[in-house]
């Protein structure tokens, strides 16, 4: 069965050669937009804007993800993520990274 290759990136990937990513056969990317909350505001990933623009310029289908901190208010996190991510019609839906309980 054929499949489509993708990656995820965040502040832990400060330099991404988007042309090379595309050249290597990757077709989509999920970019970390944010994580948790601090003082009732979600903490924005410092590389989000750069990765969001770079992936689009390379022709990748892109989606944003939020690293949900389960011990922090979920509604606040959701509301704040929607202030950071402004998806376009061709973008993937916003996803959650659920690793903590």
C-alpha atoms as a PDB file:
ATOM      1  CA  UNK A   1       0.000   0.000   0.000  1.00  0.00           C
ATOM      2  CA  UNK A   2       1.471   3.404  -0.923  1.00  0.00           C
ATOM      3  CA  UNK A   3       1.913   6.029   1.733  1.00  0.00           C
ATOM      4  CA  UNK A   4       2.807   9.711   1.967  1.00  0.00           C
ATOM      5  CA  UNK A   5       5.911  10.709   3.934  1.00  0.00           C
ATOM      6  CA  UNK A   6       5.829  13.571   6.420  1.00  0.00           C
ATOM      7  CA  UNK A   7       7.776  15.071   9.298  1.00  0.00           C
ATOM      8  CA  UNK A   8       7.155  17.171  12.372  1.00  0.00           C
ATOM      9  CA  UNK A   9       9.294  20.111  13.461  1.00  0.00           C
ATOM     10  CA  UNK A  10       9.588  22.425  16.437  1.00  0.00           C
ATOM     11  CA  UNK A  11      12.038  24.685  18.216  1.00  0.00           C
ATOM     12  CA  UNK A  12      14.237  21.575  18.546  1.00  0.00           C
ATOM     13  CA  UNK A  13      14.778  21.755  14.767  1.00  0.00           C
ATOM     14  CA  UNK A  14      16.027  25.346  14.426  1.00  0.00           C
ATOM     15  CA  UNK A  15      17.447  24.985  10.914  1.00  0.00           C
ATOM     16  CA  UNK A  16      15.454  23.097   8.288  1.00  0.00           C
ATOM     17  CA  UNK A  17      16.475  22.914   4.647  1.00  0.00           C
ATOM     18  CA  UNK A  18      12.926  22.843   3.288  1.00  0.00           C
ATOM     19  CA  UNK A  19      14.011  22.309  -0.323  1.00  0.00           C
ATOM     20  CA  UNK A  20      15.984  19.226   0.740  1.00  0.00           C
ATOM     21  CA  UNK A  21      13.036  17.928   2.779  1.00  0.00           C
ATOM     22  CA  UNK A  22      10.849  18.176  -0.321  1.00  0.00           C
ATOM     23  CA  UNK A  23      13.611  16.697  -2.508  1.00  0.00           C
ATOM     24  CA  UNK A  24      13.807  13.650  -0.202  1.00  0.00           C
ATOM     25  CA  UNK A  25      10.162  12.819  -0.882  1.00  0.00           C
ATOM     26  CA  UNK A  26       8.428  14.338   2.120  1.00  0.00           C
ATOM     27  CA  UNK A  27       5.068  15.859   1.233  1.00  0.00           C
ATOM     28  CA  UNK A  28       3.656  17.117   4.526  1.00  0.00           C
ATOM     29  CA  UNK A  29       4.806  18.618   7.786  1.00  0.00           C
ATOM     30  CA  UNK A  30       3.287  19.236  11.174  1.00  0.00           C
ATOM     31  CA  UNK A  31       4.766  22.331  12.835  1.00  0.00           C
ATOM     32  CA  UNK A  32       4.556  22.732  16.602  1.00  0.00           C
ATOM     33  CA  UNK A  33       2.689  25.945  17.244  1.00  0.00           C
ATOM     34  CA  UNK A  34       2.665  25.935  21.009  1.00  0.00           C
ATOM     35  CA  UNK A  35       2.686  24.031  24.272  1.00  0.00           C
ATOM     36  CA  UNK A  36       0.870  24.293  27.588  1.00  0.00           C
ATOM     37  CA  UNK A  37      -0.165  27.555  29.199  1.00  0.00           C
ATOM     38  CA  UNK A  38       1.600  30.130  31.342  1.00  0.00           C
ATOM     39  CA  UNK A  39      -0.270  32.998  32.976  1.00  0.00           C
ATOM     40  CA  UNK A  40      -3.402  31.945  31.026  1.00  0.00           C
ATOM     41  CA  UNK A  41      -1.589  32.190  27.684  1.00  0.00           C
ATOM     42  CA  UNK A  42      -0.334  29.331  25.557  1.00  0.00           C
ATOM     43  CA  UNK A  43       3.423  29.339  25.067  1.00  0.00           C
ATOM     44  CA  UNK A  44       4.209  29.837  21.375  1.00  0.00           C
ATOM     45  CA  UNK A  45       6.989  27.765  19.821  1.00  0.00           C
ATOM     46  CA  UNK A  46       9.674  30.300  18.882  1.00  0.00           C
ATOM     47  CA  UNK A  47      10.263  28.612  15.507  1.00  0.00           C
ATOM     48  CA  UNK A  48       6.595  28.388  14.516  1.00  0.00           C
ATOM     49  CA  UNK A  49       6.460  31.415  12.209  1.00  0.00           C
ATOM     50  CA  UNK A  50       9.676  30.486  10.419  1.00  0.00           C
ATOM     51  CA  UNK A  51       8.748  26.804   9.989  1.00  0.00           C
ATOM     52  CA  UNK A  52       5.165  27.662   8.976  1.00  0.00           C
ATOM     53  CA  UNK A  53       6.335  30.001   6.212  1.00  0.00           C
ATOM     54  CA  UNK A  54       9.290  27.847   5.112  1.00  0.00           C
ATOM     55  CA  UNK A  55       7.231  24.693   4.722  1.00  0.00           C
ATOM     56  CA  UNK A  56       4.638  26.511   2.639  1.00  0.00           C
ATOM     57  CA  UNK A  57       7.300  28.074   0.403  1.00  0.00           C
ATOM     58  CA  UNK A  58       8.719  24.580  -0.234  1.00  0.00           C
ATOM     59  CA  UNK A  59       5.325  23.350  -1.399  1.00  0.00           C
ATOM     60  CA  UNK A  60       4.669  21.019   1.515  1.00  0.00           C
ATOM     61  CA  UNK A  61       1.187  20.466   2.858  1.00  0.00           C
ATOM     62  CA  UNK A  62       1.371  21.807   6.379  1.00  0.00           C
ATOM     63  CA  UNK A  63      -0.483  21.435   9.632  1.00  0.00           C
ATOM     64  CA  UNK A  64       0.100  22.826  13.103  1.00  0.00           C
ATOM     65  CA  UNK A  65       0.131  20.892  16.335  1.00  0.00           C
ATOM     66  CA  UNK A  66      -0.136  21.905  19.965  1.00  0.00           C
ATOM     67  CA  UNK A  67       1.675  20.017  22.728  1.00  0.00           C
ATOM     68  CA  UNK A  68      -1.143  19.631  25.237  1.00  0.00           C
ATOM     69  CA  UNK A  69      -0.183  19.693  28.899  1.00  0.00           C
ATOM     70  CA  UNK A  70      -2.884  17.579  30.528  1.00  0.00           C
ATOM     71  CA  UNK A  71      -2.476  19.126  33.978  1.00  0.00           C
ATOM     72  CA  UNK A  72      -3.217  22.597  32.568  1.00  0.00           C
ATOM     73  CA  UNK A  73      -6.592  23.941  31.478  1.00  0.00           C
ATOM     74  CA  UNK A  74      -7.494  22.408  28.094  1.00  0.00           C
ATOM     75  CA  UNK A  75     -10.015  25.073  27.122  1.00  0.00           C
ATOM     76  CA  UNK A  76      -7.497  27.848  27.711  1.00  0.00           C
ATOM     77  CA  UNK A  77      -4.937  25.981  25.620  1.00  0.00           C
ATOM     78  CA  UNK A  78      -7.421  25.506  22.763  1.00  0.00           C
ATOM     79  CA  UNK A  79      -8.524  29.139  22.744  1.00  0.00           C
ATOM     80  CA  UNK A  80      -4.935  30.365  22.724  1.00  0.00           C
ATOM     81  CA  UNK A  81      -3.816  27.982  19.945  1.00  0.00           C
ATOM     82  CA  UNK A  82      -6.486  29.466  17.700  1.00  0.00           C
ATOM     83  CA  UNK A  83      -4.904  32.892  18.264  1.00  0.00           C
ATOM     84  CA  UNK A  84      -1.529  31.579  17.041  1.00  0.00           C
ATOM     85  CA  UNK A  85      -2.515  29.357  14.119  1.00  0.00           C
ATOM     86  CA  UNK A  86      -4.422  30.826  11.199  1.00  0.00           C
ATOM     87  CA  UNK A  87      -4.830  27.836   8.878  1.00  0.00           C
ATOM     88  CA  UNK A  88      -5.532  28.372   5.204  1.00  0.00           C
ATOM     89  CA  UNK A  89      -7.961  26.228   3.181  1.00  0.00           C
ATOM     90  CA  UNK A  90      -5.144  23.939   1.964  1.00  0.00           C
ATOM     91  CA  UNK A  91      -3.653  23.351   5.435  1.00  0.00           C
ATOM     92  CA  UNK A  92      -4.218  20.242   7.523  1.00  0.00           C
ATOM     93  CA  UNK A  93      -6.401  20.517  10.648  1.00  0.00           C
ATOM     94  CA  UNK A  94      -4.732  21.531  13.903  1.00  0.00           C
ATOM     95  CA  UNK A  95      -3.590  18.447  15.809  1.00  0.00           C
ATOM     96  CA  UNK A  96      -2.717  17.707  19.432  1.00  0.00           C
ATOM     97  CA  UNK A  97       0.418  16.020  20.715  1.00  0.00           C
ATOM     98  CA  UNK A  98      -0.709  14.022  23.766  1.00  0.00           C
ATOM     99  CA  UNK A  99       2.201  12.612  25.735  1.00  0.00           C
ATOM    100  CA  UNK A 100       1.565  13.583  29.348  1.00  0.00           C
ATOM    101  CA  UNK A 101      -1.150  12.407  31.670  1.00  0.00           C
END
